[in-house]
């Protein structure tokens, strides 16, 4: 018989080499043990057995009998698995009420919130239980996930917290200093509330009493994480404190950011990102403005420096030394 090539596969599968050899054994009534080494699945599946009279010869089992044996073995495995499932169910069912949120598979101290309603319900519940302080980072994302009724609910929630004697500190991008929704917010809120701004800030973050933190879990903010892991929350709060120390006051006592040699603070931030090689879209996202506004500022910066092209603008920014000055 021609030697066939063995192919690796699962224990309950029959490879092409095994099929060819089994067909040969059925036609001739036997196969040499040496040849059978190329397809060990034949013995594992019970398709060949040792000849009684010749130790070097294997004989085929009838296909109908072999199939019946394999199906019986398979049915037995299924029955065994079902018995194991039943025993496991009987053992764990009485304990399910004790599992709480961890019965859903969540990591202790980390809960996934799905959908704007569930996220805002969790925020409302946490703020209602907070006693001292809310730390917030609110980057500009247009109106994604923030319809007007959500702003109204947020205002009501925050005012109740302030009335109880709580303190709110919020970081925005510099571009939000003149945003109508932001202006209205600080005209209406009464209490210990402060806001500061930076060129760039982190993703959205809310920390209550330095014990609970909320942050987005995807780009469209339809998923969020509720963190109650002390080490993680402390890390996030420390990061906020360091950003706050670097930020420019906006409310209640705004501090103006001076224009130097015709270059506004906003143009300075854009110049830094241009030199780093970012596109208009990335610059707009990082500074919290739409692309059209970003391009207007880039055009004004180019006019101020006398640039006639994007490549020349980068060169003139570097040569002007405006990025060497401290803000």
Foldseek 3Di string as FASTA:
>chain_A
DDADAADDDDLQDADPNNVVVLVVLVVVFKDFPVSCVRGVSCVSLPQWDADPPDRRIIGGDPPVVSVVVVVVVVVVVVVVVVVVVVVVCVVCVVVVVVCPPCSVVDDVQKDKAAALVRVVVVVLVLLVVFQAEKEKEDEADDCQSPDPVNLVVVLVSVLVSQVNVYAYEYEYFPVCLPPPSVVVSVVPRDHRYWYFYHQFDDAIWMAGPLQWIKGAPDDSRRMIMIGRDNVVSNVVVVVSVVVVVVTATRPDDGDDFDDDLNQGPNLLQLLVVLLVPDDLCVSCRRRRHHSVVSVVSVVSQCVSQVHDDSVVSNVSSVVVCSNVDDD
